[in-house]
């Protein structure tokens, strides 16, 4: 699921960016990498949290809402982290050449 969503995310960003965008593939890779990580982590958390709640004698039915909130927060953090890592290297290169990002 994660690989399929990552591929579709890459295509969608690449398709809708202008043809003359100098760093379009880097932006597409950033979104695709973030989507892959978010889905992969959500699958693991979604499978482990109900079992963990059961082990501590809490109702596993509460896992659904908890997973949604946790993955919303984790998803934003992952996107920011991946974006800062992949796009900051490009920004440093452009700045060193005296150019602008846009």
C-alpha atoms as a PDB file:
ATOM      1  CA  UNK A   1       0.000   0.000   0.000  1.00  0.00           C
ATOM      2  CA  UNK A   2       2.782   2.408   0.936  1.00  0.00           C
ATOM      3  CA  UNK A   3       4.702   1.861  -2.305  1.00  0.00           C
ATOM      4  CA  UNK A   4       1.586   2.347  -4.438  1.00  0.00           C
ATOM      5  CA  UNK A   5       0.629   5.539  -2.634  1.00  0.00           C
ATOM      6  CA  UNK A   6       4.203   6.833  -2.907  1.00  0.00           C
ATOM      7  CA  UNK A   7       4.264   6.202  -6.655  1.00  0.00           C
ATOM      8  CA  UNK A   8       0.896   7.907  -7.134  1.00  0.00           C
ATOM      9  CA  UNK A   9       1.998  10.830  -4.957  1.00  0.00           C
ATOM     10  CA  UNK A  10       5.163  11.274  -6.987  1.00  0.00           C
ATOM     11  CA  UNK A  11       3.214  11.241 -10.252  1.00  0.00           C
ATOM     12  CA  UNK A  12       0.574  13.653  -8.985  1.00  0.00           C
ATOM     13  CA  UNK A  13       3.073  16.271  -7.791  1.00  0.00           C
ATOM     14  CA  UNK A  14       5.231  15.888 -10.893  1.00  0.00           C
ATOM     15  CA  UNK A  15       2.209  16.137 -13.203  1.00  0.00           C
ATOM     16  CA  UNK A  16       0.816  19.330 -11.691  1.00  0.00           C
ATOM     17  CA  UNK A  17       4.083  21.244 -11.306  1.00  0.00           C
ATOM     18  CA  UNK A  18       5.045  23.525 -14.195  1.00  0.00           C
ATOM     19  CA  UNK A  19       7.338  22.014 -16.808  1.00  0.00           C
ATOM     20  CA  UNK A  20       9.983  24.665 -16.179  1.00  0.00           C
ATOM     21  CA  UNK A  21      10.160  24.071 -12.410  1.00  0.00           C
ATOM     22  CA  UNK A  22      13.883  23.527 -11.758  1.00  0.00           C
ATOM     23  CA  UNK A  23      13.464  21.220  -8.787  1.00  0.00           C
ATOM     24  CA  UNK A  24      10.174  19.472  -9.589  1.00  0.00           C
ATOM     25  CA  UNK A  25      11.577  15.962  -9.204  1.00  0.00           C
ATOM     26  CA  UNK A  26      13.000  16.816  -5.796  1.00  0.00           C
ATOM     27  CA  UNK A  27       9.628  18.120  -4.611  1.00  0.00           C
ATOM     28  CA  UNK A  28       7.904  15.033  -6.017  1.00  0.00           C
ATOM     29  CA  UNK A  29      10.404  12.791  -4.227  1.00  0.00           C
ATOM     30  CA  UNK A  30       9.805  14.664  -0.983  1.00  0.00           C
ATOM     31  CA  UNK A  31       6.048  14.117  -1.108  1.00  0.00           C
ATOM     32  CA  UNK A  32       6.427  10.484  -2.191  1.00  0.00           C
ATOM     33  CA  UNK A  33       8.947   9.706   0.551  1.00  0.00           C
ATOM     34  CA  UNK A  34       6.731  11.336   3.162  1.00  0.00           C
ATOM     35  CA  UNK A  35       3.673   9.417   1.964  1.00  0.00           C
ATOM     36  CA  UNK A  36       5.580   6.132   2.041  1.00  0.00           C
ATOM     37  CA  UNK A  37       6.854   6.693   5.581  1.00  0.00           C
ATOM     38  CA  UNK A  38       3.472   7.833   6.888  1.00  0.00           C
ATOM     39  CA  UNK A  39       1.613   4.825   5.485  1.00  0.00           C
ATOM     40  CA  UNK A  40       4.269   2.349   6.608  1.00  0.00           C
ATOM     41  CA  UNK A  41       4.245   3.717  10.153  1.00  0.00           C
ATOM     42  CA  UNK A  42       0.438   3.872  10.221  1.00  0.00           C
ATOM     43  CA  UNK A  43       0.233   0.186   9.308  1.00  0.00           C
ATOM     44  CA  UNK A  44       2.572  -0.788  12.133  1.00  0.00           C
ATOM     45  CA  UNK A  45       0.899   1.475  14.702  1.00  0.00           C
ATOM     46  CA  UNK A  46      -2.550   0.399  13.518  1.00  0.00           C
ATOM     47  CA  UNK A  47      -1.686  -3.245  14.066  1.00  0.00           C
ATOM     48  CA  UNK A  48       0.237  -2.829  17.324  1.00  0.00           C
ATOM     49  CA  UNK A  49      -1.917  -0.355  19.233  1.00  0.00           C
ATOM     50  CA  UNK A  50      -5.021  -2.551  19.679  1.00  0.00           C
ATOM     51  CA  UNK A  51      -2.819  -5.406  20.876  1.00  0.00           C
ATOM     52  CA  UNK A  52      -0.984  -3.073  23.242  1.00  0.00           C
ATOM     53  CA  UNK A  53      -4.247  -1.775  24.667  1.00  0.00           C
ATOM     54  CA  UNK A  54      -5.460  -5.335  25.146  1.00  0.00           C
ATOM     55  CA  UNK A  55      -2.273  -6.256  27.002  1.00  0.00           C
ATOM     56  CA  UNK A  56      -2.761  -3.415  29.494  1.00  0.00           C
ATOM     57  CA  UNK A  57      -6.410  -4.420  29.896  1.00  0.00           C
ATOM     58  CA  UNK A  58      -7.942  -1.459  28.083  1.00  0.00           C
ATOM     59  CA  UNK A  59     -10.641  -1.707  25.456  1.00  0.00           C
ATOM     60  CA  UNK A  60      -8.941  -2.196  22.050  1.00  0.00           C
ATOM     61  CA  UNK A  61     -11.880  -0.403  20.406  1.00  0.00           C
ATOM     62  CA  UNK A  62     -10.359   2.889  21.571  1.00  0.00           C
ATOM     63  CA  UNK A  63      -7.409   2.332  19.247  1.00  0.00           C
ATOM     64  CA  UNK A  64      -9.239   3.689  16.180  1.00  0.00           C
ATOM     65  CA  UNK A  65      -9.573   7.271  17.387  1.00  0.00           C
ATOM     66  CA  UNK A  66      -6.156   7.177  19.008  1.00  0.00           C
ATOM     67  CA  UNK A  67      -4.495   6.041  15.788  1.00  0.00           C
ATOM     68  CA  UNK A  68      -6.134   8.864  13.837  1.00  0.00           C
ATOM     69  CA  UNK A  69      -4.883  11.542  16.197  1.00  0.00           C
ATOM     70  CA  UNK A  70      -1.418  10.051  16.584  1.00  0.00           C
ATOM     71  CA  UNK A  71      -0.946   9.587  12.834  1.00  0.00           C
ATOM     72  CA  UNK A  72      -2.137  13.113  12.073  1.00  0.00           C
ATOM     73  CA  UNK A  73       0.555  14.491  14.358  1.00  0.00           C
ATOM     74  CA  UNK A  74       3.210  12.015  13.228  1.00  0.00           C
ATOM     75  CA  UNK A  75       2.329  12.623   9.572  1.00  0.00           C
ATOM     76  CA  UNK A  76       2.923  16.354   9.878  1.00  0.00           C
ATOM     77  CA  UNK A  77       6.209  15.756  11.694  1.00  0.00           C
ATOM     78  CA  UNK A  78       7.375  13.246   9.078  1.00  0.00           C
ATOM     79  CA  UNK A  79       6.486  15.585   6.221  1.00  0.00           C
ATOM     80  CA  UNK A  80       8.346  18.467   7.846  1.00  0.00           C
ATOM     81  CA  UNK A  81      11.376  16.295   8.602  1.00  0.00           C
ATOM     82  CA  UNK A  82      11.596  14.755   5.128  1.00  0.00           C
ATOM     83  CA  UNK A  83      11.011  18.134   3.496  1.00  0.00           C
ATOM     84  CA  UNK A  84      13.691  19.814   5.559  1.00  0.00           C
ATOM     85  CA  UNK A  85      16.206  17.052   4.797  1.00  0.00           C
ATOM     86  CA  UNK A  86      15.583  16.705   1.064  1.00  0.00           C
ATOM     87  CA  UNK A  87      14.825  20.307   0.182  1.00  0.00           C
ATOM     88  CA  UNK A  88      17.400  21.999   2.427  1.00  0.00           C
ATOM     89  CA  UNK A  89      20.261  20.387   0.517  1.00  0.00           C
ATOM     90  CA  UNK A  90      18.866  21.873  -2.684  1.00  0.00           C
ATOM     91  CA  UNK A  91      18.374  25.281  -1.050  1.00  0.00           C
ATOM     92  CA  UNK A  92      21.995  25.285   0.139  1.00  0.00           C
ATOM     93  CA  UNK A  93      23.233  24.533  -3.388  1.00  0.00           C
ATOM     94  CA  UNK A  94      21.135  27.301  -4.918  1.00  0.00           C
ATOM     95  CA  UNK A  95      22.193  29.817  -2.265  1.00  0.00           C
ATOM     96  CA  UNK A  96      25.864  28.934  -2.772  1.00  0.00           C
ATOM     97  CA  UNK A  97      25.473  29.744  -6.462  1.00  0.00           C
ATOM     98  CA  UNK A  98      23.860  33.089  -5.641  1.00  0.00           C
ATOM     99  CA  UNK A  99      20.520  32.065  -7.123  1.00  0.00           C
ATOM    100  CA  UNK A 100      16.959  32.022  -5.937  1.00  0.00           C
ATOM    101  CA  UNK A 101      14.806  28.988  -5.204  1.00  0.00           C
ATOM    102  CA  UNK A 102      11.877  30.064  -7.361  1.00  0.00           C
END
